[in-house]
Amino acid sequence: MANTASAKKADRQNERHRLHNKYYAKTTRNAIRDIRNTTDKATAEKNAPQVFAMIDKLAKIGLIHKNKASNLKSGIQVYINKLA
């Protein structure tokens, strides 16, 4: 339990940041899932830049590691290239 005013404020900020990070991480996971579940190459290619930007933002703010972001983007691109 926080005892000082600054610790209480830090708890409030941490909760806001946690919810903010959770929202963006979940939204990005859903977007990745939607691309990987599509069978239409044109739709996947159209949505890929937005998903790549979302992944880059997660890496930039430190929610995922930059190498994980790179691996995710690579995997998505490989999937898109395999679509007929």
PDB file of N, CA and C in Angstrom:
ATOM      1  N   MET A   1       0.847  -1.182   0.000  1.00  0.00           N
ATOM      2  CA  MET A   1       0.000   0.000   0.000  1.00  0.00           C
ATOM      3  C   MET A   1       0.884   1.234   0.000  1.00  0.00           C
ATOM      4  N   ALA A   2       0.525   2.189  -0.834  1.00  0.00           N
ATOM      5  CA  ALA A   2       1.314   3.412  -0.945  1.00  0.00           C
ATOM      6  C   ALA A   2       1.135   4.280   0.307  1.00  0.00           C
ATOM      7  N   ASN A   3       2.238   4.800   0.811  1.00  0.00           N
ATOM      8  CA  ASN A   3       2.191   5.608   2.025  1.00  0.00           C
ATOM      9  C   ASN A   3       2.337   7.093   1.744  1.00  0.00           C
ATOM     10  N   THR A   4       3.070   7.453   0.710  1.00  0.00           N
ATOM     11  CA  THR A   4       3.305   8.866   0.437  1.00  0.00           C
ATOM     12  C   THR A   4       2.444   9.318  -0.740  1.00  0.00           C
ATOM     13  N   ALA A   5       2.308  10.629  -0.849  1.00  0.00           N
ATOM     14  CA  ALA A   5       1.507  11.193  -1.937  1.00  0.00           C
ATOM     15  C   ALA A   5       2.107  10.831  -3.287  1.00  0.00           C
ATOM     16  N   SER A   6       3.428  10.866  -3.378  1.00  0.00           N
ATOM     17  CA  SER A   6       4.069  10.554  -4.658  1.00  0.00           C
ATOM     18  C   SER A   6       3.882   9.081  -5.022  1.00  0.00           C
ATOM     19  N   ALA A   7       3.879   8.204  -4.025  1.00  0.00           N
ATOM     20  CA  ALA A   7       3.663   6.782  -4.287  1.00  0.00           C
ATOM     21  C   ALA A   7       2.221   6.526  -4.723  1.00  0.00           C
ATOM     22  N   LYS A   8       1.283   7.266  -4.128  1.00  0.00           N
ATOM     23  CA  LYS A   8      -0.119   7.126  -4.534  1.00  0.00           C
ATOM     24  C   LYS A   8      -0.313   7.595  -5.972  1.00  0.00           C
ATOM     25  N   LYS A   9       0.340   8.712  -6.308  1.00  0.00           N
ATOM     26  CA  LYS A   9       0.252   9.223  -7.676  1.00  0.00           C
ATOM     27  C   LYS A   9       0.884   8.231  -8.648  1.00  0.00           C
ATOM     28  N   ALA A  10       2.006   7.644  -8.267  1.00  0.00           N
ATOM     29  CA  ALA A  10       2.663   6.662  -9.124  1.00  0.00           C
ATOM     30  C   ALA A  10       1.761   5.454  -9.354  1.00  0.00           C
ATOM     31  N   ASP A  11       1.041   5.030  -8.329  1.00  0.00           N
ATOM     32  CA  ASP A  11       0.094   3.922  -8.479  1.00  0.00           C
ATOM     33  C   ASP A  11      -1.009   4.264  -9.474  1.00  0.00           C
ATOM     34  N   ARG A  12      -1.525   5.491  -9.382  1.00  0.00           N
ATOM     35  CA  ARG A  12      -2.569   5.914 -10.325  1.00  0.00           C
ATOM     36  C   ARG A  12      -2.036   5.943 -11.754  1.00  0.00           C
ATOM     37  N   GLN A  13      -0.846   6.483 -11.926  1.00  0.00           N
ATOM     38  CA  GLN A  13      -0.254   6.557 -13.257  1.00  0.00           C
ATOM     39  C   GLN A  13       0.038   5.165 -13.809  1.00  0.00           C
ATOM     40  N   ASN A  14       0.557   4.292 -12.953  1.00  0.00           N
ATOM     41  CA  ASN A  14       0.864   2.934 -13.401  1.00  0.00           C
ATOM     42  C   ASN A  14      -0.383   2.203 -13.874  1.00  0.00           C
ATOM     43  N   GLU A  15      -1.484   2.408 -13.192  1.00  0.00           N
ATOM     44  CA  GLU A  15      -2.741   1.766 -13.591  1.00  0.00           C
ATOM     45  C   GLU A  15      -3.210   2.294 -14.951  1.00  0.00           C
ATOM     46  N   ARG A  16      -3.128   3.604 -15.141  1.00  0.00           N
ATOM     47  CA  ARG A  16      -3.518   4.192 -16.438  1.00  0.00           C
ATOM     48  C   ARG A  16      -2.623   3.669 -17.549  1.00  0.00           C
ATOM     49  N   HIS A  17      -1.326   3.633 -17.297  1.00  0.00           N
ATOM     50  CA  HIS A  17      -0.391   3.155 -18.314  1.00  0.00           C
ATOM     51  C   HIS A  17      -0.614   1.681 -18.613  1.00  0.00           C
ATOM     52  N   ARG A  18      -0.905   0.893 -17.581  1.00  0.00           N
ATOM     53  CA  ARG A  18      -1.139  -0.534 -17.776  1.00  0.00           C
ATOM     54  C   ARG A  18      -2.342  -0.756 -18.689  1.00  0.00           C
ATOM     55  N   LEU A  19      -3.433  -0.033 -18.431  1.00  0.00           N
ATOM     56  CA  LEU A  19      -4.630  -0.176 -19.254  1.00  0.00           C
ATOM     57  C   LEU A  19      -4.388   0.302 -20.683  1.00  0.00           C
ATOM     58  N   HIS A  20      -3.649   1.389 -20.826  1.00  0.00           N
ATOM     59  CA  HIS A  20      -3.307   1.917 -22.150  1.00  0.00           C
ATOM     60  C   HIS A  20      -2.480   0.902 -22.921  1.00  0.00           C
ATOM     61  N   ASN A  21      -1.457   0.352 -22.286  1.00  0.00           N
ATOM     62  CA  ASN A  21      -0.595  -0.630 -22.945  1.00  0.00           C
ATOM     63  C   ASN A  21      -1.373  -1.894 -23.295  1.00  0.00           C
ATOM     64  N   LYS A  22      -2.254  -2.324 -22.412  1.00  0.00           N
ATOM     65  CA  LYS A  22      -3.047  -3.526 -22.645  1.00  0.00           C
ATOM     66  C   LYS A  22      -3.946  -3.343 -23.864  1.00  0.00           C
ATOM     67  N   TYR A  23      -4.536  -2.163 -23.990  1.00  0.00           N
ATOM     68  CA  TYR A  23      -5.420  -1.873 -25.120  1.00  0.00           C
ATOM     69  C   TYR A  23      -4.652  -1.957 -26.435  1.00  0.00           C
ATOM     70  N   TYR A  24      -3.497  -1.283 -26.515  1.00  0.00           N
ATOM     71  CA  TYR A  24      -2.746  -1.267 -27.764  1.00  0.00           C
ATOM     72  C   TYR A  24      -2.164  -2.630 -28.098  1.00  0.00           C
ATOM     73  N   ALA A  25      -1.724  -3.372 -27.094  1.00  0.00           N
ATOM     74  CA  ALA A  25      -1.183  -4.704 -27.348  1.00  0.00           C
ATOM     75  C   ALA A  25      -2.273  -5.634 -27.858  1.00  0.00           C
ATOM     76  N   LYS A  26      -3.450  -5.589 -27.259  1.00  0.00           N
ATOM     77  CA  LYS A  26      -4.554  -6.453 -27.675  1.00  0.00           C
ATOM     78  C   LYS A  26      -5.034  -6.079 -29.079  1.00  0.00           C
ATOM     79  N   THR A  27      -5.124  -4.783 -29.361  1.00  0.00           N
ATOM     80  CA  THR A  27      -5.546  -4.325 -30.678  1.00  0.00           C
ATOM     81  C   THR A  27      -4.575  -4.810 -31.752  1.00  0.00           C
ATOM     82  N   THR A  28      -3.300  -4.746 -31.461  1.00  0.00           N
ATOM     83  CA  THR A  28      -2.294  -5.205 -32.415  1.00  0.00           C
ATOM     84  C   THR A  28      -2.380  -6.710 -32.611  1.00  0.00           C
ATOM     85  N   ARG A  29      -2.562  -7.464 -31.525  1.00  0.00           N
ATOM     86  CA  ARG A  29      -2.692  -8.923 -31.662  1.00  0.00           C
ATOM     87  C   ARG A  29      -3.905  -9.278 -32.509  1.00  0.00           C
ATOM     88  N   ASN A  30      -5.005  -8.562 -32.334  1.00  0.00           N
ATOM     89  CA  ASN A  30      -6.198  -8.821 -33.138  1.00  0.00           C
ATOM     90  C   ASN A  30      -5.945  -8.514 -34.611  1.00  0.00           C
ATOM     91  N   ALA A  31      -5.227  -7.439 -34.897  1.00  0.00           N
ATOM     92  CA  ALA A  31      -4.926  -7.078 -36.280  1.00  0.00           C
ATOM     93  C   ALA A  31      -4.024  -8.126 -36.931  1.00  0.00           C
ATOM     94  N   ILE A  32      -3.049  -8.626 -36.174  1.00  0.00           N
ATOM     95  CA  ILE A  32      -2.163  -9.680 -36.685  1.00  0.00           C
ATOM     96  C   ILE A  32      -2.975 -10.936 -36.965  1.00  0.00           C
ATOM     97  N   ARG A  33      -3.863 -11.282 -36.050  1.00  0.00           N
ATOM     98  CA  ARG A  33      -4.705 -12.462 -36.228  1.00  0.00           C
ATOM     99  C   ARG A  33      -5.585 -12.323 -37.465  1.00  0.00           C
ATOM    100  N   ASP A  34      -6.137 -11.136 -37.686  1.00  0.00           N
ATOM    101  CA  ASP A  34      -7.004 -10.915 -38.841  1.00  0.00           C
ATOM    102  C   ASP A  34      -6.240 -11.095 -40.146  1.00  0.00           C
ATOM    103  N   ILE A  35      -5.004 -10.600 -40.201  1.00  0.00           N
ATOM    104  CA  ILE A  35      -4.209 -10.787 -41.422  1.00  0.00           C
ATOM    105  C   ILE A  35      -3.893 -12.257 -41.629  1.00  0.00           C
ATOM    106  N   ARG A  36      -3.522 -12.952 -40.562  1.00  0.00           N
ATOM    107  CA  ARG A  36      -3.136 -14.356 -40.708  1.00  0.00           C
ATOM    108  C   ARG A  36      -4.326 -15.257 -41.012  1.00  0.00           C
ATOM    109  N   ASN A  37      -5.538 -14.806 -40.737  1.00  0.00           N
ATOM    110  CA  ASN A  37      -6.726 -15.611 -41.017  1.00  0.00           C
ATOM    111  C   ASN A  37      -7.340 -15.302 -42.374  1.00  0.00           C
ATOM    112  N   THR A  38      -6.847 -14.274 -43.052  1.00  0.00           N
ATOM    113  CA  THR A  38      -7.409 -13.931 -44.351  1.00  0.00           C
ATOM    114  C   THR A  38      -6.795 -14.805 -45.439  1.00  0.00           C
ATOM    115  N   THR A  39      -7.571 -15.050 -46.482  1.00  0.00           N
ATOM    116  CA  THR A  39      -7.065 -15.823 -47.620  1.00  0.00           C
ATOM    117  C   THR A  39      -6.983 -14.955 -48.868  1.00  0.00           C
ATOM    118  N   ASP A  40      -7.341 -13.662 -48.751  1.00  0.00           N
ATOM    119  CA  ASP A  40      -7.307 -12.750 -49.879  1.00  0.00           C
ATOM    120  C   ASP A  40      -6.012 -11.945 -49.834  1.00  0.00           C
ATOM    121  N   LYS A  41      -5.169 -12.116 -50.842  1.00  0.00           N
ATOM    122  CA  LYS A  41      -3.864 -11.465 -50.848  1.00  0.00           C
ATOM    123  C   LYS A  41      -3.990  -9.943 -50.922  1.00  0.00           C
ATOM    124  N   ALA A  42      -4.939  -9.445 -51.708  1.00  0.00           N
ATOM    125  CA  ALA A  42      -5.090  -8.000 -51.861  1.00  0.00           C
ATOM    126  C   ALA A  42      -5.457  -7.343 -50.528  1.00  0.00           C
ATOM    127  N   THR A  43      -6.364  -7.957 -49.794  1.00  0.00           N
ATOM    128  CA  THR A  43      -6.757  -7.416 -48.492  1.00  0.00           C
ATOM    129  C   THR A  43      -5.588  -7.448 -47.519  1.00  0.00           C
ATOM    130  N   ALA A  44      -4.857  -8.549 -47.521  1.00  0.00           N
ATOM    131  CA  ALA A  44      -3.714  -8.664 -46.613  1.00  0.00           C
ATOM    132  C   ALA A  44      -2.655  -7.627 -46.933  1.00  0.00           C
ATOM    133  N   GLU A  45      -2.382  -7.426 -48.224  1.00  0.00           N
ATOM    134  CA  GLU A  45      -1.377  -6.429 -48.615  1.00  0.00           C
ATOM    135  C   GLU A  45      -1.828  -5.012 -48.273  1.00  0.00           C
ATOM    136  N   LYS A  46      -3.128  -4.770 -48.353  1.00  0.00           N
ATOM    137  CA  LYS A  46      -3.656  -3.447 -48.041  1.00  0.00           C
ATOM    138  C   LYS A  46      -3.550  -3.151 -46.550  1.00  0.00           C
ATOM    139  N   ASN A  47      -3.783  -4.162 -45.709  1.00  0.00           N
ATOM    140  CA  ASN A  47      -3.773  -3.965 -44.253  1.00  0.00           C
ATOM    141  C   ASN A  47      -2.386  -4.088 -43.634  1.00  0.00           C
ATOM    142  N   ALA A  48      -1.440  -4.669 -44.342  1.00  0.00           N
ATOM    143  CA  ALA A  48      -0.110  -4.919 -43.782  1.00  0.00           C
ATOM    144  C   ALA A  48       0.600  -3.654 -43.295  1.00  0.00           C
ATOM    145  N   PRO A  49       0.630  -2.556 -44.058  1.00  0.00           N
ATOM    146  CA  PRO A  49       1.354  -1.377 -43.563  1.00  0.00           C
ATOM    147  C   PRO A  49       0.830  -0.851 -42.224  1.00  0.00           C
ATOM    148  N   GLN A  50      -0.496  -0.887 -42.032  1.00  0.00           N
ATOM    149  CA  GLN A  50      -1.049  -0.411 -40.765  1.00  0.00           C
ATOM    150  C   GLN A  50      -0.648  -1.329 -39.619  1.00  0.00           C
ATOM    151  N   VAL A  51      -0.653  -2.646 -39.879  1.00  0.00           N
ATOM    152  CA  VAL A  51      -0.276  -3.599 -38.832  1.00  0.00           C
ATOM    153  C   VAL A  51       1.211  -3.462 -38.514  1.00  0.00           C
ATOM    154  N   PHE A  52       2.029  -3.271 -39.555  1.00  0.00           N
ATOM    155  CA  PHE A  52       3.461  -3.084 -39.323  1.00  0.00           C
ATOM    156  C   PHE A  52       3.710  -1.832 -38.482  1.00  0.00           C
ATOM    157  N   ALA A  53       2.951  -0.778 -38.729  1.00  0.00           N
ATOM    158  CA  ALA A  53       3.101   0.448 -37.941  1.00  0.00           C
ATOM    159  C   ALA A  53       2.704   0.202 -36.489  1.00  0.00           C
ATOM    160  N   MET A  54       1.646  -0.577 -36.279  1.00  0.00           N
ATOM    161  CA  MET A  54       1.220  -0.890 -34.919  1.00  0.00           C
ATOM    162  C   MET A  54       2.307  -1.679 -34.182  1.00  0.00           C
ATOM    163  N   ILE A  55       2.902  -2.656 -34.883  1.00  0.00           N
ATOM    164  CA  ILE A  55       3.964  -3.465 -34.282  1.00  0.00           C
ATOM    165  C   ILE A  55       5.164  -2.590 -33.950  1.00  0.00           C
ATOM    166  N   ASP A  56       5.533  -1.700 -34.877  1.00  0.00           N
ATOM    167  CA  ASP A  56       6.664  -0.802 -34.630  1.00  0.00           C
ATOM    168  C   ASP A  56       6.415   0.100 -33.428  1.00  0.00           C
ATOM    169  N   LYS A  57       5.177   0.550 -33.268  1.00  0.00           N
ATOM    170  CA  LYS A  57       4.863   1.416 -32.128  1.00  0.00           C
ATOM    171  C   LYS A  57       5.015   0.650 -30.818  1.00  0.00           C
ATOM    172  N   LEU A  58       4.572  -0.615 -30.793  1.00  0.00           N
ATOM    173  CA  LEU A  58       4.739  -1.416 -29.573  1.00  0.00           C
ATOM    174  C   LEU A  58       6.211  -1.578 -29.232  1.00  0.00           C
ATOM    175  N   ALA A  59       7.040  -1.771 -30.259  1.00  0.00           N
ATOM    176  CA  ALA A  59       8.481  -1.918 -30.014  1.00  0.00           C
ATOM    177  C   ALA A  59       9.074  -0.592 -29.549  1.00  0.00           C
ATOM    178  N   LYS A  60       8.605   0.497 -30.127  1.00  0.00           N
ATOM    179  CA  LYS A  60       9.144   1.814 -29.786  1.00  0.00           C
ATOM    180  C   LYS A  60       8.883   2.173 -28.327  1.00  0.00           C
ATOM    181  N   ILE A  61       7.695   1.826 -27.836  1.00  0.00           N
ATOM    182  CA  ILE A  61       7.375   2.187 -26.457  1.00  0.00           C
ATOM    183  C   ILE A  61       7.787   1.102 -25.469  1.00  0.00           C
ATOM    184  N   GLY A  62       8.361   0.003 -25.984  1.00  0.00           N
ATOM    185  CA  GLY A  62       8.948  -1.001 -25.108  1.00  0.00           C
ATOM    186  C   GLY A  62       8.013  -2.108 -24.676  1.00  0.00           C
ATOM    187  N   LEU A  63       6.851  -2.246 -25.304  1.00  0.00           N
ATOM    188  CA  LEU A  63       5.953  -3.333 -24.925  1.00  0.00           C
ATOM    189  C   LEU A  63       6.430  -4.670 -25.461  1.00  0.00           C
ATOM    190  N   ILE A  64       7.073  -4.630 -26.624  1.00  0.00           N
ATOM    191  CA  ILE A  64       7.699  -5.845 -27.149  1.00  0.00           C
ATOM    192  C   ILE A  64       9.120  -5.483 -27.562  1.00  0.00           C
ATOM    193  N   HIS A  65       9.975  -6.470 -27.632  1.00  0.00           N
ATOM    194  CA  HIS A  65      11.362  -6.256 -28.018  1.00  0.00           C
ATOM    195  C   HIS A  65      11.438  -5.987 -29.514  1.00  0.00           C
ATOM    196  N   LYS A  66      12.441  -5.216 -29.932  1.00  0.00           N
ATOM    197  CA  LYS A  66      12.559  -4.862 -31.345  1.00  0.00           C
ATOM    198  C   LYS A  66      12.779  -6.097 -32.214  1.00  0.00           C
ATOM    199  N   ASN A  67      13.453  -7.111 -31.682  1.00  0.00           N
ATOM    200  CA  ASN A  67      13.646  -8.335 -32.467  1.00  0.00           C
ATOM    201  C   ASN A  67      12.338  -9.100 -32.619  1.00  0.00           C
ATOM    202  N   LYS A  68      11.491  -9.097 -31.588  1.00  0.00           N
ATOM    203  CA  LYS A  68      10.187  -9.741 -31.700  1.00  0.00           C
ATOM    204  C   LYS A  68       9.343  -9.018 -32.734  1.00  0.00           C
ATOM    205  N   ALA A  69       9.413  -7.692 -32.746  1.00  0.00           N
ATOM    206  CA  ALA A  69       8.674  -6.918 -33.737  1.00  0.00           C
ATOM    207  C   ALA A  69       9.132  -7.285 -35.142  1.00  0.00           C
ATOM    208  N   SER A  70      10.425  -7.402 -35.314  1.00  0.00           N
ATOM    209  CA  SER A  70      10.973  -7.773 -36.619  1.00  0.00           C
ATOM    210  C   SER A  70      10.529  -9.163 -37.029  1.00  0.00           C
ATOM    211  N   ASN A  71      10.533 -10.096 -36.081  1.00  0.00           N
ATOM    212  CA  ASN A  71      10.103 -11.461 -36.378  1.00  0.00           C
ATOM    213  C   ASN A  71       8.616 -11.512 -36.730  1.00  0.00           C
ATOM    214  N   LEU A  72       7.793 -10.740 -36.033  1.00  0.00           N
ATOM    215  CA  LEU A  72       6.366 -10.704 -36.336  1.00  0.00           C
ATOM    216  C   LEU A  72       6.123 -10.162 -37.748  1.00  0.00           C
ATOM    217  N   LYS A  73       6.792  -9.053 -38.075  1.00  0.00           N
ATOM    218  CA  LYS A  73       6.608  -8.456 -39.394  1.00  0.00           C
ATOM    219  C   LYS A  73       7.090  -9.400 -40.491  1.00  0.00           C
ATOM    220  N   SER A  74       8.199 -10.063 -40.238  1.00  0.00           N
ATOM    221  CA  SER A  74       8.729 -11.015 -41.221  1.00  0.00           C
ATOM    222  C   SER A  74       7.761 -12.165 -41.430  1.00  0.00           C
ATOM    223  N   GLY A  75       7.211 -12.697 -40.347  1.00  0.00           N
ATOM    224  CA  GLY A  75       6.271 -13.805 -40.457  1.00  0.00           C
ATOM    225  C   GLY A  75       5.008 -13.422 -41.210  1.00  0.00           C
ATOM    226  N   ILE A  76       4.536 -12.212 -40.976  1.00  0.00           N
ATOM    227  CA  ILE A  76       3.349 -11.734 -41.683  1.00  0.00           C
ATOM    228  C   ILE A  76       3.652 -11.600 -43.169  1.00  0.00           C
ATOM    229  N   GLN A  77       4.825 -11.051 -43.487  1.00  0.00           N
ATOM    230  CA  GLN A  77       5.181 -10.861 -44.896  1.00  0.00           C
ATOM    231  C   GLN A  77       5.356 -12.202 -45.603  1.00  0.00           C
ATOM    232  N   VAL A  78       5.933 -13.174 -44.932  1.00  0.00           N
ATOM    233  CA  VAL A  78       6.078 -14.507 -45.513  1.00  0.00           C
ATOM    234  C   VAL A  78       4.701 -15.094 -45.799  1.00  0.00           C
ATOM    235  N   TYR A  79       3.775 -14.935 -44.863  1.00  0.00           N
ATOM    236  CA  TYR A  79       2.417 -15.440 -45.061  1.00  0.00           C
ATOM    237  C   TYR A  79       1.751 -14.768 -46.253  1.00  0.00           C
ATOM    238  N   ILE A  80       1.906 -13.448 -46.355  1.00  0.00           N
ATOM    239  CA  ILE A  80       1.287 -12.710 -47.468  1.00  0.00           C
ATOM    240  C   ILE A  80       1.882 -13.157 -48.802  1.00  0.00           C
ATOM    241  N   ASN A  81       3.196 -13.370 -48.824  1.00  0.00           N
ATOM    242  CA  ASN A  81       3.849 -13.785 -50.073  1.00  0.00           C
ATOM    243  C   ASN A  81       3.405 -15.181 -50.510  1.00  0.00           C
ATOM    244  N   LYS A  82       3.012 -16.018 -49.576  1.00  0.00           N
ATOM    245  CA  LYS A  82       2.575 -17.380 -49.907  1.00  0.00           C
ATOM    246  C   LYS A  82       1.145 -17.422 -50.427  1.00  0.00           C
ATOM    247  N   LEU A  83       0.372 -16.364 -50.144  1.00  0.00           N
ATOM    248  CA  LEU A  83      -1.014 -16.337 -50.613  1.00  0.00           C
ATOM    249  C   LEU A  83      -1.046 -16.274 -52.134  1.00  0.00           C
ATOM    250  N   ALA A  84      -2.021 -16.971 -52.716  1.00  0.00           N
ATOM    251  CA  ALA A  84      -2.120 -16.985 -54.180  1.00  0.00           C
ATOM    252  C   ALA A  84      -2.992 -15.860 -54.683  1.00  0.00           C
TER     253      ALA A  84
END
